[in-house]
């Protein structure tokens, strides 16, 4: 699971350091994530959820991944607000909403 999620967490971390505006960095990243969502087997995501229900360490691990991803994304959104690229929003809630939309898309892709 660590190997599976490490590249995704690294991508969002690197996103903070990239050149250009926040909007310029988020656009290609969003397209990349959308492509990965289409390629990801839905059964794999469901298996992670099933393991999380049965195993405390999996639930804790996935919670930590989610929290780190949202934190990194919130930092990027905050930068966009500070640069007046985005309107003022609750960055933590916005990051959670974006992450939730991605998760929901993964779960409904094959449905």
C-alpha atoms as a PDB file:
ATOM      1  CA  UNK A   1       0.000   0.000   0.000  1.00  0.00           C
ATOM      2  CA  UNK A   2       2.893   2.341   0.745  1.00  0.00           C
ATOM      3  CA  UNK A   3       4.361   1.726  -2.708  1.00  0.00           C
ATOM      4  CA  UNK A   4       0.948   2.273  -4.298  1.00  0.00           C
ATOM      5  CA  UNK A   5       0.275   5.634  -2.637  1.00  0.00           C
ATOM      6  CA  UNK A   6       3.833   7.039  -2.514  1.00  0.00           C
ATOM      7  CA  UNK A   7       3.872   8.287  -6.133  1.00  0.00           C
ATOM      8  CA  UNK A   8       0.536  10.067  -5.694  1.00  0.00           C
ATOM      9  CA  UNK A   9       1.679  11.824  -2.537  1.00  0.00           C
ATOM     10  CA  UNK A  10       4.947  12.755  -4.219  1.00  0.00           C
ATOM     11  CA  UNK A  11       3.117  14.296  -7.187  1.00  0.00           C
ATOM     12  CA  UNK A  12       1.049  16.581  -4.986  1.00  0.00           C
ATOM     13  CA  UNK A  13       4.162  17.534  -2.973  1.00  0.00           C
ATOM     14  CA  UNK A  14       6.107  18.394  -6.131  1.00  0.00           C
ATOM     15  CA  UNK A  15       3.134  20.422  -7.348  1.00  0.00           C
ATOM     16  CA  UNK A  16       3.904  23.001  -4.653  1.00  0.00           C
ATOM     17  CA  UNK A  17       7.415  23.546  -5.996  1.00  0.00           C
ATOM     18  CA  UNK A  18       6.639  23.799  -9.688  1.00  0.00           C
ATOM     19  CA  UNK A  19       7.006  26.899 -11.836  1.00  0.00           C
ATOM     20  CA  UNK A  20       4.110  29.091 -12.865  1.00  0.00           C
ATOM     21  CA  UNK A  21       0.920  30.141 -11.228  1.00  0.00           C
ATOM     22  CA  UNK A  22      -1.068  27.793  -9.047  1.00  0.00           C
ATOM     23  CA  UNK A  23      -3.709  27.566 -11.763  1.00  0.00           C
ATOM     24  CA  UNK A  24      -1.029  26.674 -14.347  1.00  0.00           C
ATOM     25  CA  UNK A  25       0.268  23.922 -12.068  1.00  0.00           C
ATOM     26  CA  UNK A  26      -3.145  22.544 -11.107  1.00  0.00           C
ATOM     27  CA  UNK A  27      -4.522  22.250 -14.653  1.00  0.00           C
ATOM     28  CA  UNK A  28      -2.093  19.618 -15.978  1.00  0.00           C
ATOM     29  CA  UNK A  29      -2.099  17.879 -12.598  1.00  0.00           C
ATOM     30  CA  UNK A  30      -5.909  17.635 -12.717  1.00  0.00           C
ATOM     31  CA  UNK A  31      -5.795  16.159 -16.224  1.00  0.00           C
ATOM     32  CA  UNK A  32      -3.172  13.648 -15.089  1.00  0.00           C
ATOM     33  CA  UNK A  33      -5.253  12.607 -12.067  1.00  0.00           C
ATOM     34  CA  UNK A  34      -8.341  12.228 -14.268  1.00  0.00           C
ATOM     35  CA  UNK A  35      -6.399   9.950 -16.603  1.00  0.00           C
ATOM     36  CA  UNK A  36      -5.121   7.863 -13.723  1.00  0.00           C
ATOM     37  CA  UNK A  37      -8.643   7.538 -12.333  1.00  0.00           C
ATOM     38  CA  UNK A  38      -9.787   6.119 -15.678  1.00  0.00           C
ATOM     39  CA  UNK A  39      -6.943   3.592 -15.709  1.00  0.00           C
ATOM     40  CA  UNK A  40      -7.258   2.492 -12.068  1.00  0.00           C
ATOM     41  CA  UNK A  41      -9.135  -0.757 -11.547  1.00  0.00           C
ATOM     42  CA  UNK A  42     -12.234  -0.006  -9.499  1.00  0.00           C
ATOM     43  CA  UNK A  43     -11.864  -3.371  -7.758  1.00  0.00           C
ATOM     44  CA  UNK A  44      -8.542  -2.231  -6.307  1.00  0.00           C
ATOM     45  CA  UNK A  45     -10.140   0.799  -4.661  1.00  0.00           C
ATOM     46  CA  UNK A  46     -12.979  -1.320  -3.330  1.00  0.00           C
ATOM     47  CA  UNK A  47     -10.448  -3.775  -1.928  1.00  0.00           C
ATOM     48  CA  UNK A  48      -8.708  -0.954  -0.027  1.00  0.00           C
ATOM     49  CA  UNK A  49     -12.053   0.027   1.500  1.00  0.00           C
ATOM     50  CA  UNK A  50     -12.883  -3.589   2.332  1.00  0.00           C
ATOM     51  CA  UNK A  51      -9.515  -4.046   4.043  1.00  0.00           C
ATOM     52  CA  UNK A  52     -10.018  -0.808   5.965  1.00  0.00           C
ATOM     53  CA  UNK A  53     -13.299  -2.112   7.391  1.00  0.00           C
ATOM     54  CA  UNK A  54     -11.630  -5.316   8.586  1.00  0.00           C
ATOM     55  CA  UNK A  55      -8.170  -4.118   9.577  1.00  0.00           C
ATOM     56  CA  UNK A  56      -7.450  -1.205  11.883  1.00  0.00           C
ATOM     57  CA  UNK A  57      -3.932  -0.611  10.533  1.00  0.00           C
ATOM     58  CA  UNK A  58      -5.287  -0.263   6.966  1.00  0.00           C
ATOM     59  CA  UNK A  59      -7.975   2.171   8.113  1.00  0.00           C
ATOM     60  CA  UNK A  60      -5.333   4.202   9.977  1.00  0.00           C
ATOM     61  CA  UNK A  61      -2.947   4.130   7.011  1.00  0.00           C
ATOM     62  CA  UNK A  62      -5.601   5.265   4.526  1.00  0.00           C
ATOM     63  CA  UNK A  63      -6.661   8.008   6.938  1.00  0.00           C
ATOM     64  CA  UNK A  64      -3.069   9.223   7.134  1.00  0.00           C
ATOM     65  CA  UNK A  65      -2.723   9.177   3.341  1.00  0.00           C
ATOM     66  CA  UNK A  66      -5.983  11.107   2.975  1.00  0.00           C
ATOM     67  CA  UNK A  67      -4.947  13.657   5.619  1.00  0.00           C
ATOM     68  CA  UNK A  68      -1.529  14.210   4.049  1.00  0.00           C
ATOM     69  CA  UNK A  69      -2.977  14.528   0.542  1.00  0.00           C
ATOM     70  CA  UNK A  70      -5.595  17.030   1.732  1.00  0.00           C
ATOM     71  CA  UNK A  71      -2.986  19.000   3.684  1.00  0.00           C
ATOM     72  CA  UNK A  72      -0.696  19.262   0.648  1.00  0.00           C
ATOM     73  CA  UNK A  73      -3.600  20.257  -1.579  1.00  0.00           C
ATOM     74  CA  UNK A  74      -4.818  22.842   0.964  1.00  0.00           C
ATOM     75  CA  UNK A  75      -1.347  24.414   0.970  1.00  0.00           C
ATOM     76  CA  UNK A  76      -1.480  24.761  -2.807  1.00  0.00           C
ATOM     77  CA  UNK A  77      -4.992  26.246  -2.701  1.00  0.00           C
ATOM     78  CA  UNK A  78      -3.871  28.675   0.030  1.00  0.00           C
ATOM     79  CA  UNK A  79      -1.022  29.829  -2.215  1.00  0.00           C
ATOM     80  CA  UNK A  80      -3.544  30.480  -4.997  1.00  0.00           C
ATOM     81  CA  UNK A  81      -5.654  32.579  -2.632  1.00  0.00           C
ATOM     82  CA  UNK A  82      -2.612  34.552  -1.461  1.00  0.00           C
ATOM     83  CA  UNK A  83      -1.694  35.245  -5.092  1.00  0.00           C
ATOM     84  CA  UNK A  84      -5.302  36.351  -5.759  1.00  0.00           C
ATOM     85  CA  UNK A  85      -5.771  33.554  -8.296  1.00  0.00           C
ATOM     86  CA  UNK A  86      -8.705  32.086  -6.363  1.00  0.00           C
ATOM     87  CA  UNK A  87     -11.387  33.629  -4.199  1.00  0.00           C
ATOM     88  CA  UNK A  88     -11.204  33.194  -0.432  1.00  0.00           C
ATOM     89  CA  UNK A  89     -12.355  29.716   0.585  1.00  0.00           C
ATOM     90  CA  UNK A  90     -11.777  27.365   3.487  1.00  0.00           C
ATOM     91  CA  UNK A  91      -8.729  25.601   2.074  1.00  0.00           C
ATOM     92  CA  UNK A  92      -9.138  22.486   4.224  1.00  0.00           C
ATOM     93  CA  UNK A  93     -12.767  22.035   3.174  1.00  0.00           C
ATOM     94  CA  UNK A  94     -11.933  22.717  -0.472  1.00  0.00           C
ATOM     95  CA  UNK A  95      -9.090  20.168  -0.427  1.00  0.00           C
ATOM     96  CA  UNK A  96     -11.403  17.605   1.176  1.00  0.00           C
ATOM     97  CA  UNK A  97     -14.076  18.325  -1.448  1.00  0.00           C
ATOM     98  CA  UNK A  98     -11.628  17.879  -4.338  1.00  0.00           C
ATOM     99  CA  UNK A  99     -10.265  14.670  -2.841  1.00  0.00           C
ATOM    100  CA  UNK A 100     -13.787  13.376  -2.245  1.00  0.00           C
ATOM    101  CA  UNK A 101     -14.753  14.097  -5.842  1.00  0.00           C
ATOM    102  CA  UNK A 102     -11.760  12.090  -7.055  1.00  0.00           C
ATOM    103  CA  UNK A 103     -12.615   9.179  -4.753  1.00  0.00           C
ATOM    104  CA  UNK A 104     -16.244   9.284  -5.834  1.00  0.00           C
ATOM    105  CA  UNK A 105     -15.228   9.287  -9.481  1.00  0.00           C
ATOM    106  CA  UNK A 106     -13.037   6.227  -8.912  1.00  0.00           C
ATOM    107  CA  UNK A 107     -15.883   4.384  -7.215  1.00  0.00           C
ATOM    108  CA  UNK A 108     -18.447   5.151  -9.933  1.00  0.00           C
ATOM    109  CA  UNK A 109     -16.271   4.845 -13.042  1.00  0.00           C
ATOM    110  CA  UNK A 110     -17.301   1.284 -13.946  1.00  0.00           C
ATOM    111  CA  UNK A 111     -20.794   1.559 -12.528  1.00  0.00           C
END
